[in-house]
C-alpha atoms as a PDB file:
ATOM      1  CA  MET A   1      74.312  83.164  81.348  1.00  0.00           C
ATOM      2  CA  THR A   2      77.455  84.040  79.428  1.00  0.00           C
ATOM      3  CA  TYR A   3      78.734  84.244  75.883  1.00  0.00           C
ATOM      4  CA  LYS A   4      80.767  81.182  74.863  1.00  0.00           C
ATOM      5  CA  SER A   5      80.340  81.180  71.092  1.00  0.00           C
ATOM      6  CA  ILE A   6      80.848  84.553  69.394  1.00  0.00           C
ATOM      7  CA  PHE A   7      80.780  85.236  65.665  1.00  0.00           C
ATOM      8  CA  VAL A   8      82.423  88.327  64.193  1.00  0.00           C
ATOM      9  CA  SER A   9      81.398  89.285  60.653  1.00  0.00           C
ATOM     10  CA  LEU A  10      84.456  90.448  58.704  1.00  0.00           C
ATOM     11  CA  ASN A  11      82.962  91.572  55.400  1.00  0.00           C
ATOM     12  CA  GLU A  12      83.214  95.256  56.394  1.00  0.00           C
ATOM     13  CA  LEU A  13      86.875  95.298  55.413  1.00  0.00           C
ATOM     14  CA  GLU A  14      87.549  98.940  56.283  1.00  0.00           C
ATOM     15  CA  ALA A  15      86.497  98.194  59.866  1.00  0.00           C
ATOM     16  CA  MET A  16      88.718  95.102  60.157  1.00  0.00           C
ATOM     17  CA  ALA A  17      91.031  96.481  62.857  1.00  0.00           C
ATOM     18  CA  THR A  18      88.151  97.542  65.113  1.00  0.00           C
ATOM     19  CA  LEU A  19      86.270  94.281  64.613  1.00  0.00           C
ATOM     20  CA  LEU A  20      89.342  92.224  65.514  1.00  0.00           C
ATOM     21  CA  GLU A  21      90.242  94.334  68.552  1.00  0.00           C
ATOM     22  CA  VAL A  22      86.743  94.263  70.014  1.00  0.00           C
ATOM     23  CA  GLY A  23      86.276  90.610  69.056  1.00  0.00           C
ATOM     24  CA  VAL A  24      89.433  89.663  70.933  1.00  0.00           C
ATOM     25  CA  ASP A  25      88.412  91.814  73.911  1.00  0.00           C
ATOM     26  CA  VAL A  26      84.905  90.330  74.206  1.00  0.00           C
ATOM     27  CA  ALA A  27      86.014  86.735  73.607  1.00  0.00           C
ATOM     28  CA  GLY A  28      88.810  87.095  76.162  1.00  0.00           C
ATOM     29  CA  ARG A  29      86.453  88.679  78.683  1.00  0.00           C
ATOM     30  CA  PHE A  30      84.145  85.641  78.607  1.00  0.00           C
ATOM     31  CA  ASP A  31      86.730  82.972  77.761  1.00  0.00           C
ATOM     32  CA  ALA A  32      84.722  82.392  74.584  1.00  0.00           C
ATOM     33  CA  HIS A  33      85.417  80.833  71.204  1.00  0.00           C
ATOM     34  CA  LEU A  34      85.533  83.383  68.375  1.00  0.00           C
ATOM     35  CA  THR A  35      84.498  82.510  64.832  1.00  0.00           C
ATOM     36  CA  GLY A  36      85.655  84.734  62.010  1.00  0.00           C
ATOM     37  CA  LEU A  37      82.810  84.723  59.490  1.00  0.00           C
ATOM     38  CA  TYR A  38      83.541  85.788  55.925  1.00  0.00           C
ATOM     39  CA  VAL A  39      81.066  85.521  53.072  1.00  0.00           C
ATOM     40  CA  VAL A  40      81.858  85.535  49.365  1.00  0.00           C
ATOM     41  CA  PRO A  41      78.466  86.511  47.931  1.00  0.00           C
ATOM     42  CA  GLY A  42      77.031  85.038  44.770  1.00  0.00           C
ATOM     43  CA  PRO A  43      76.581  87.097  41.603  1.00  0.00           C
ATOM     44  CA  ALA A  44      73.577  89.376  41.240  1.00  0.00           C
ATOM     45  CA  LEU A  45      71.167  88.610  38.407  1.00  0.00           C
ATOM     46  CA  TYR A  46      69.198  91.391  36.774  1.00  0.00           C
ATOM     47  CA  PRO A  47      66.096  90.557  34.708  1.00  0.00           C
ATOM     48  CA  ALA A  48      66.304  90.883  30.969  1.00  0.00           C
ATOM     49  CA  VAL A  49      64.234  93.321  28.949  1.00  0.00           C
ATOM     50  CA  GLY A  50      62.589  91.956  25.820  1.00  0.00           C
ATOM     51  CA  PRO A  51      61.537  88.448  24.780  1.00  0.00           C
ATOM     52  CA  TYR A  52      65.006  87.274  23.650  1.00  0.00           C
ATOM     53  CA  ALA A  53      67.239  89.141  26.040  1.00  0.00           C
ATOM     54  CA  VAL A  54      69.552  87.258  28.419  1.00  0.00           C
ATOM     55  CA  PRO A  55      69.547  88.192  32.122  1.00  0.00           C
ATOM     56  CA  GLU A  56      72.538  90.320  33.100  1.00  0.00           C
ATOM     57  CA  VAL A  57      74.998  88.836  35.592  1.00  0.00           C
ATOM     58  CA  ASN A  58      76.947  91.172  37.875  1.00  0.00           C
ATOM     59  CA  ASP A  59      79.738  89.379  39.733  1.00  0.00           C
ATOM     60  CA  ILE A  60      81.761  92.438  40.778  1.00  0.00           C
ATOM     61  CA  GLY A  61      80.881  91.858  44.453  1.00  0.00           C
ATOM     62  CA  THR A  62      81.872  88.207  44.183  1.00  0.00           C
ATOM     63  CA  GLN A  63      85.251  89.093  42.707  1.00  0.00           C
ATOM     64  CA  TYR A  64      85.807  91.858  45.269  1.00  0.00           C
ATOM     65  CA  PHE A  65      85.434  89.531  48.254  1.00  0.00           C
ATOM     66  CA  GLU A  66      87.219  86.579  46.610  1.00  0.00           C
ATOM     67  CA  GLU A  67      90.298  88.717  46.028  1.00  0.00           C
ATOM     68  CA  ARG A  68      90.396  89.820  49.665  1.00  0.00           C
ATOM     69  CA  ALA A  69      89.555  86.508  51.357  1.00  0.00           C
ATOM     70  CA  LYS A  70      93.116  85.248  51.847  1.00  0.00           C
ATOM     71  CA  ASP A  71      94.422  88.498  53.316  1.00  0.00           C
ATOM     72  CA  THR A  72      91.406  88.784  55.633  1.00  0.00           C
ATOM     73  CA  ARG A  73      91.943  85.260  56.913  1.00  0.00           C
ATOM     74  CA  LEU A  74      95.642  85.864  57.564  1.00  0.00           C
ATOM     75  CA  LYS A  75      94.902  89.027  59.560  1.00  0.00           C
ATOM     76  CA  PHE A  76      92.190  87.297  61.576  1.00  0.00           C
ATOM     77  CA  GLU A  77      94.277  84.219  62.408  1.00  0.00           C
ATOM     78  CA  SER A  78      97.313  86.335  63.285  1.00  0.00           C
ATOM     79  CA  ALA A  79      95.281  88.457  65.716  1.00  0.00           C
ATOM     80  CA  MET A  80      93.751  85.369  67.343  1.00  0.00           C
ATOM     81  CA  ARG A  81      97.109  83.631  67.830  1.00  0.00           C
ATOM     82  CA  SER A  82      98.660  86.787  69.270  1.00  0.00           C
ATOM     83  CA  ALA A  83      95.821  87.048  71.798  1.00  0.00           C
ATOM     84  CA  ASP A  84      95.781  83.287  72.504  1.00  0.00           C
ATOM     85  CA  ILE A  85      92.054  83.114  71.728  1.00  0.00           C
ATOM     86  CA  SER A  86      90.174  79.926  70.839  1.00  0.00           C
ATOM     87  CA  PHE A  87      89.024  80.494  67.248  1.00  0.00           C
ATOM     88  CA  ASP A  88      88.058  79.145  63.875  1.00  0.00           C
ATOM     89  CA  TRP A  89      87.712  80.639  60.406  1.00  0.00           C
ATOM     90  CA  ARG A  90      84.532  80.142  58.434  1.00  0.00           C
ATOM     91  CA  GLU A  91      84.561  81.238  54.810  1.00  0.00           C
ATOM     92  CA  ILE A  92      81.330  80.661  52.920  1.00  0.00           C
ATOM     93  CA  LYS A  93      80.808  80.888  49.187  1.00  0.00           C
ATOM     94  CA  ALA A  94      77.148  81.887  49.045  1.00  0.00           C
ATOM     95  CA  THR A  95      74.643  81.676  46.240  1.00  0.00           C
ATOM     96  CA  SER A  96      72.843  84.835  47.342  1.00  0.00           C
ATOM     97  CA  PRO A  97      74.314  88.248  46.444  1.00  0.00           C
ATOM     98  CA  ASP A  98      73.257  89.526  49.884  1.00  0.00           C
ATOM     99  CA  VAL A  99      75.899  88.966  52.547  1.00  0.00           C
ATOM    100  CA  SER A 100      73.338  89.506  55.314  1.00  0.00           C
ATOM    101  CA  SER A 101      71.229  86.463  54.436  1.00  0.00           C
ATOM    102  CA  THR A 102      74.203  84.114  54.867  1.00  0.00           C
ATOM    103  CA  VAL A 103      75.463  85.824  58.026  1.00  0.00           C
ATOM    104  CA  SER A 104      71.962  85.621  59.533  1.00  0.00           C
ATOM    105  CA  GLU A 105      71.554  81.937  58.713  1.00  0.00           C
ATOM    106  CA  VAL A 106      74.999  80.805  59.845  1.00  0.00           C
ATOM    107  CA  GLY A 107      75.019  83.111  62.860  1.00  0.00           C
ATOM    108  CA  ARG A 108      71.843  81.726  64.427  1.00  0.00           C
ATOM    109  CA  VAL A 109      73.872  79.249  66.481  1.00  0.00           C
ATOM    110  CA  ALA A 110      76.024  81.982  68.070  1.00  0.00           C
ATOM    111  CA  ASP A 111      75.554  83.445  71.535  1.00  0.00           C
ATOM    112  CA  LEU A 112      76.510  86.864  70.176  1.00  0.00           C
ATOM    113  CA  LEU A 113      77.145  88.398  66.756  1.00  0.00           C
ATOM    114  CA  ILE A 114      79.565  91.301  66.302  1.00  0.00           C
ATOM    115  CA  LEU A 115      79.145  93.610  63.297  1.00  0.00           C
ATOM    116  CA  SER A 116      80.431  96.981  62.208  1.00  0.00           C
ATOM    117  CA  GLU A 117      78.329  99.962  61.261  1.00  0.00           C
ATOM    118  CA  THR A 118      77.828  99.850  57.488  1.00  0.00           C
ATOM    119  CA  ASP A 119      79.888 102.263  55.426  1.00  0.00           C
ATOM    120  CA  THR A 120      77.270 104.080  53.348  1.00  0.00           C
ATOM    121  CA  LYS A 121      79.851 106.020  51.339  1.00  0.00           C
ATOM    122  CA  THR A 122      81.310 103.093  49.434  1.00  0.00           C
ATOM    123  CA  THR A 123      79.849 101.313  46.434  1.00  0.00           C
ATOM    124  CA  MET A 124      81.590  98.062  47.349  1.00  0.00           C
ATOM    125  CA  GLY A 125      81.169  95.876  50.385  1.00  0.00           C
ATOM    126  CA  VAL A 126      78.016  94.688  52.120  1.00  0.00           C
ATOM    127  CA  GLU A 127      74.525  95.887  51.246  1.00  0.00           C
ATOM    128  CA  LEU A 128      73.277  99.089  52.874  1.00  0.00           C
ATOM    129  CA  GLU A 129      70.663  97.240  54.960  1.00  0.00           C
ATOM    130  CA  PHE A 130      73.207  94.654  56.154  1.00  0.00           C
ATOM    131  CA  VAL A 131      73.007  95.461  59.868  1.00  0.00           C
ATOM    132  CA  THR A 132      69.219  95.771  60.041  1.00  0.00           C
ATOM    133  CA  ASN A 133      68.777  92.548  58.055  1.00  0.00           C
ATOM    134  CA  VAL A 134      71.032  90.590  60.420  1.00  0.00           C
ATOM    135  CA  ILE A 135      69.278  91.977  63.495  1.00  0.00           C
ATOM    136  CA  MET A 136      65.885  91.035  62.081  1.00  0.00           C
ATOM    137  CA  ASP A 137      66.737  87.643  60.590  1.00  0.00           C
ATOM    138  CA  SER A 138      69.381  86.058  62.826  1.00  0.00           C
ATOM    139  CA  GLY A 139      67.356  85.894  66.031  1.00  0.00           C
ATOM    140  CA  ARG A 140      70.528  86.563  68.050  1.00  0.00           C
ATOM    141  CA  PRO A 141      71.799  89.556  70.034  1.00  0.00           C
ATOM    142  CA  VAL A 142      73.916  91.752  67.780  1.00  0.00           C
ATOM    143  CA  LEU A 143      76.698  94.050  68.957  1.00  0.00           C
ATOM    144  CA  ILE A 144      77.107  96.879  66.430  1.00  0.00           C
ATOM    145  CA  LEU A 145      80.324  98.895  66.503  1.00  0.00           C
ATOM    146  CA  PRO A 146      80.517 102.476  65.224  1.00  0.00           C
ATOM    147  CA  ARG A 147      83.280 103.317  62.765  1.00  0.00           C
ATOM    148  CA  GLN A 148      85.194 105.097  65.540  1.00  0.00           C
ATOM    149  CA  SER A 149      84.653 102.438  68.183  1.00  0.00           C
ATOM    150  CA  PRO A 150      87.074 102.045  71.099  1.00  0.00           C
ATOM    151  CA  SER A 151      89.230  98.934  70.919  1.00  0.00           C
ATOM    152  CA  LYS A 152      87.808  97.642  74.213  1.00  0.00           C
ATOM    153  CA  LEU A 153      84.393  97.794  75.873  1.00  0.00           C
ATOM    154  CA  GLN A 154      84.986  99.453  79.228  1.00  0.00           C
ATOM    155  CA  LEU A 155      81.488  98.691  80.595  1.00  0.00           C
ATOM    156  CA  ARG A 156      81.685 101.406  83.224  1.00  0.00           C
ATOM    157  CA  GLN A 157      78.282 102.796  82.240  1.00  0.00           C
ATOM    158  CA  ILE A 158      75.552 101.035  80.256  1.00  0.00           C
ATOM    159  CA  VAL A 159      72.295 102.645  79.183  1.00  0.00           C
ATOM    160  CA  CYS A 160      69.358 100.316  78.506  1.00  0.00           C
ATOM    161  CA  GLY A 161      66.322 101.530  76.619  1.00  0.00           C
ATOM    162  CA  TYR A 162      63.217 100.053  78.236  1.00  0.00           C
ATOM    163  CA  ASN A 163      59.507 100.490  77.571  1.00  0.00           C
ATOM    164  CA  GLY A 164      57.937  97.217  78.668  1.00  0.00           C
ATOM    165  CA  SER A 165      57.934  95.792  75.130  1.00  0.00           C
ATOM    166  CA  LYS A 166      59.064  92.256  74.396  1.00  0.00           C
ATOM    167  CA  GLU A 167      61.910  93.614  72.252  1.00  0.00           C
ATOM    168  CA  SER A 168      63.311  95.788  75.042  1.00  0.00           C
ATOM    169  CA  VAL A 169      62.977  92.992  77.616  1.00  0.00           C
ATOM    170  CA  ARG A 170      64.709  90.491  75.350  1.00  0.00           C
ATOM    171  CA  ALA A 171      67.561  92.892  74.612  1.00  0.00           C
ATOM    172  CA  ILE A 172      68.189  93.474  78.310  1.00  0.00           C
ATOM    173  CA  HIS A 173      68.202  89.738  79.075  1.00  0.00           C
ATOM    174  CA  ASP A 174      70.477  89.104  76.079  1.00  0.00           C
ATOM    175  CA  ALA A 175      72.859  91.744  77.449  1.00  0.00           C
ATOM    176  CA  LEU A 176      73.135  90.207  80.956  1.00  0.00           C
ATOM    177  CA  PRO A 177      76.765  89.103  80.479  1.00  0.00           C
ATOM    178  CA  PHE A 178      77.662  92.748  79.819  1.00  0.00           C
ATOM    179  CA  LEU A 179      75.398  94.131  82.545  1.00  0.00           C
ATOM    180  CA  LEU A 180      76.713  91.915  85.366  1.00  0.00           C
ATOM    181  CA  PRO A 181      80.226  93.448  85.531  1.00  0.00           C
ATOM    182  CA  ALA A 182      79.081  96.978  84.662  1.00  0.00           C
ATOM    183  CA  GLY A 183      79.789  99.748  87.135  1.00  0.00           C
ATOM    184  CA  ASP A 184      76.522 101.597  86.504  1.00  0.00           C
ATOM    185  CA  VAL A 185      73.403 100.480  84.623  1.00  0.00           C
ATOM    186  CA  ARG A 186      70.824 103.099  83.706  1.00  0.00           C
ATOM    187  CA  LEU A 187      67.319 101.996  82.668  1.00  0.00           C
ATOM    188  CA  VAL A 188      65.817 104.791  80.544  1.00  0.00           C
ATOM    189  CA  TRP A 189      62.142 104.897  79.581  1.00  0.00           C
ATOM    190  CA  VAL A 190      61.429 107.521  76.917  1.00  0.00           C
ATOM    191  CA  ASP A 191      57.883 108.929  76.941  1.00  0.00           C
ATOM    192  CA  PRO A 192      56.403 106.493  79.515  1.00  0.00           C
ATOM    193  CA  SER A 193      53.026 108.274  79.364  1.00  0.00           C
ATOM    194  CA  ARG A 194      52.556 106.851  75.857  1.00  0.00           C
ATOM    195  CA  LYS A 195      52.469 103.353  77.384  1.00  0.00           C
ATOM    196  CA  SER A 196      50.730 104.121  80.635  1.00  0.00           C
ATOM    197  CA  GLU A 197      49.214 100.659  81.104  1.00  0.00           C
ATOM    198  CA  SER A 198      52.549  98.845  81.176  1.00  0.00           C
ATOM    199  CA  ALA A 199      54.636 101.613  82.704  1.00  0.00           C
ATOM    200  CA  GLY A 200      53.346 101.208  86.250  1.00  0.00           C
ATOM    201  CA  PRO A 201      53.641 103.824  89.004  1.00  0.00           C
ATOM    202  CA  LEU A 202      57.471 103.717  88.908  1.00  0.00           C
ATOM    203  CA  ARG A 203      58.729 103.594  85.347  1.00  0.00           C
ATOM    204  CA  GLY A 204      60.991 100.558  84.875  1.00  0.00           C
ATOM    205  CA  SER A 205      60.824  99.399  88.487  1.00  0.00           C
ATOM    206  CA  ASP A 206      59.648  95.929  87.429  1.00  0.00           C
ATOM    207  CA  MET A 207      62.711  95.378  85.229  1.00  0.00           C
ATOM    208  CA  ALA A 208      64.978  96.940  87.836  1.00  0.00           C
ATOM    209  CA  GLU A 209      63.782  94.392  90.404  1.00  0.00           C
ATOM    210  CA  VAL A 210      64.567  91.531  88.040  1.00  0.00           C
ATOM    211  CA  LEU A 211      68.074  92.856  87.394  1.00  0.00           C
ATOM    212  CA  ASP A 212      68.636  93.426  91.105  1.00  0.00           C
ATOM    213  CA  ARG A 213      68.092  89.708  91.691  1.00  0.00           C
ATOM    214  CA  HIS A 214      71.026  89.125  89.368  1.00  0.00           C
ATOM    215  CA  GLY A 215      73.135  91.413  91.525  1.00  0.00           C
ATOM    216  CA  ILE A 216      72.953  94.319  89.056  1.00  0.00           C
ATOM    217  CA  ARG A 217      72.466  97.754  90.575  1.00  0.00           C
ATOM    218  CA  VAL A 218      70.150  99.800  88.388  1.00  0.00           C
ATOM    219  CA  THR A 219      69.054 103.425  88.255  1.00  0.00           C
ATOM    220  CA  THR A 220      65.745 104.076  86.493  1.00  0.00           C
ATOM    221  CA  GLU A 221      64.653 107.294  84.867  1.00  0.00           C
ATOM    222  CA  ALA A 222      61.867 108.536  82.622  1.00  0.00           C
ATOM    223  CA  MET A 223      62.478 111.083  79.878  1.00  0.00           C
ATOM    224  CA  ALA A 224      60.410 113.188  77.521  1.00  0.00           C
ATOM    225  CA  ARG A 225      61.437 113.263  73.874  1.00  0.00           C
ATOM    226  CA  SER A 226      61.745 117.063  73.692  1.00  0.00           C
ATOM    227  CA  GLY A 227      61.404 117.228  69.918  1.00  0.00           C
ATOM    228  CA  GLN A 228      63.581 114.188  69.187  1.00  0.00           C
ATOM    229  CA  ASP A 229      62.408 110.696  68.357  1.00  0.00           C
ATOM    230  CA  VAL A 230      62.928 107.880  70.858  1.00  0.00           C
ATOM    231  CA  GLY A 231      66.176 106.649  69.317  1.00  0.00           C
ATOM    232  CA  GLU A 232      67.747 110.104  69.229  1.00  0.00           C
ATOM    233  CA  THR A 233      66.645 110.807  72.812  1.00  0.00           C
ATOM    234  CA  LEU A 234      68.220 107.573  74.048  1.00  0.00           C
ATOM    235  CA  LEU A 235      71.456 108.206  72.154  1.00  0.00           C
ATOM    236  CA  THR A 236      71.679 111.759  73.451  1.00  0.00           C
ATOM    237  CA  ARG A 237      71.149 110.636  77.042  1.00  0.00           C
ATOM    238  CA  ALA A 238      73.761 107.903  76.687  1.00  0.00           C
ATOM    239  CA  GLN A 239      76.262 110.376  75.298  1.00  0.00           C
ATOM    240  CA  ASP A 240      75.552 112.877  78.081  1.00  0.00           C
ATOM    241  CA  LEU A 241      76.234 110.160  80.651  1.00  0.00           C
ATOM    242  CA  GLY A 242      79.422 109.030  78.930  1.00  0.00           C
ATOM    243  CA  ALA A 243      77.998 105.550  78.419  1.00  0.00           C
ATOM    244  CA  ASP A 244      80.180 102.785  76.989  1.00  0.00           C
ATOM    245  CA  LEU A 245      77.297 100.696  75.630  1.00  0.00           C
ATOM    246  CA  ILE A 246      73.632 101.129  74.711  1.00  0.00           C
ATOM    247  CA  VAL A 247      71.189  98.218  74.923  1.00  0.00           C
ATOM    248  CA  MET A 248      67.850  98.415  73.135  1.00  0.00           C
ATOM    249  CA  GLY A 249      65.245  96.308  71.400  1.00  0.00           C
ATOM    250  CA  ALA A 250      64.896  96.460  67.639  1.00  0.00           C
ATOM    251  CA  TYR A 251      61.751  97.270  65.654  1.00  0.00           C
ATOM    252  CA  GLY A 252      58.849  97.685  68.000  1.00  0.00           C
ATOM    253  CA  HIS A 253      56.611  98.293  64.953  1.00  0.00           C
ATOM    254  CA  SER A 254      56.454  96.748  61.506  1.00  0.00           C
ATOM    255  CA  ARG A 255      59.582  97.275  59.397  1.00  0.00           C
ATOM    256  CA  LEU A 256      57.553  99.217  56.839  1.00  0.00           C
ATOM    257  CA  ARG A 257      56.271 101.618  59.474  1.00  0.00           C
ATOM    258  CA  GLU A 258      59.771 102.078  60.899  1.00  0.00           C
ATOM    259  CA  TYR A 259      61.089 102.844  57.423  1.00  0.00           C
ATOM    260  CA  VAL A 260      58.379 105.364  56.617  1.00  0.00           C
ATOM    261  CA  LEU A 261      58.270 107.084  59.995  1.00  0.00           C
ATOM    262  CA  GLY A 262      61.946 106.813  60.899  1.00  0.00           C
ATOM    263  CA  GLY A 263      61.462 104.919  64.172  1.00  0.00           C
ATOM    264  CA  ALA A 264      63.734 104.422  67.149  1.00  0.00           C
ATOM    265  CA  THR A 265      65.626 101.496  65.633  1.00  0.00           C
ATOM    266  CA  ARG A 266      66.446 103.194  62.360  1.00  0.00           C
ATOM    267  CA  SER A 267      67.354 106.414  64.152  1.00  0.00           C
ATOM    268  CA  ALA A 268      69.733 104.616  66.511  1.00  0.00           C
ATOM    269  CA  LEU A 269      71.463 102.785  63.663  1.00  0.00           C
ATOM    270  CA  SER A 270      71.712 105.922  61.536  1.00  0.00           C
ATOM    271  CA  ASN A 271      73.352 107.948  64.304  1.00  0.00           C
ATOM    272  CA  ILE A 272      75.438 105.331  66.057  1.00  0.00           C
ATOM    273  CA  ARG A 273      78.260 106.858  68.093  1.00  0.00           C
ATOM    274  CA  ILE A 274      78.487 104.339  70.935  1.00  0.00           C
ATOM    275  CA  PRO A 275      78.605 100.517  70.677  1.00  0.00           C
ATOM    276  CA  LEU A 276      75.037  99.282  70.489  1.00  0.00           C
ATOM    277  CA  LEU A 277      73.607  95.901  71.448  1.00  0.00           C
ATOM    278  CA  MET A 278      70.269  95.149  69.800  1.00  0.00           C
ATOM    279  CA  SER A 279      67.879  92.178  69.826  1.00  0.00           C
ATOM    280  CA  HIS A 280      64.672  91.538  67.968  1.00  0.00           C
END
């Protein structure tokens, strides 16, 4: 398995340089085709109040992205030609005001989607739930870059969150192209006693055996949460190890429960400091 068709979402304009640098690096690493995906969202409609009122149309977001489309395309195409990468540009004028719905739909054919962490401090740009919506709705592995991401993925150390769930297993299999060349892969099971039936006598040994057959050397370890939630514990461990990438499944519970309780997925996305590959 490898990545041959990669889509990079370019609507997070402030993160353009990072997205292009990492996109070029990943596409070059796998000799892949890179699609620059840019969405001009449709206007937002707000319901009217009163029997004769006309619904309010807000097209500020539409205008914002229309005005920046040409410059974004020029930067993308220039970076691709400089790196001699196979590429195409896909600009979509959507009817929905949510950028994520179009990215999710169009991106379903990709082997890998690359996004940036959402900038929560700006009133313009993509919707606040952009990243989580794409992870949930695209059905593809998503590589999320923090705002201060390195320009290249070194892949010396990768930490994989594993707990026997279908989400964690899928994420690890989706990450195989990254895991194969990695120098060190650490399989971390947080609070294995909470899933004693699937944990087995050696936590993560079943997944480690599968990865070993791919030629991937794996170290397994179990950790207690020590007052943190699962996502925070995994992020802290990855940072302590100096990891270059974290791999984890998204939303092991219902989205409502994750939102109310602040689950591992939401915690990881809210505190992202290392590139994160997630699958649902």
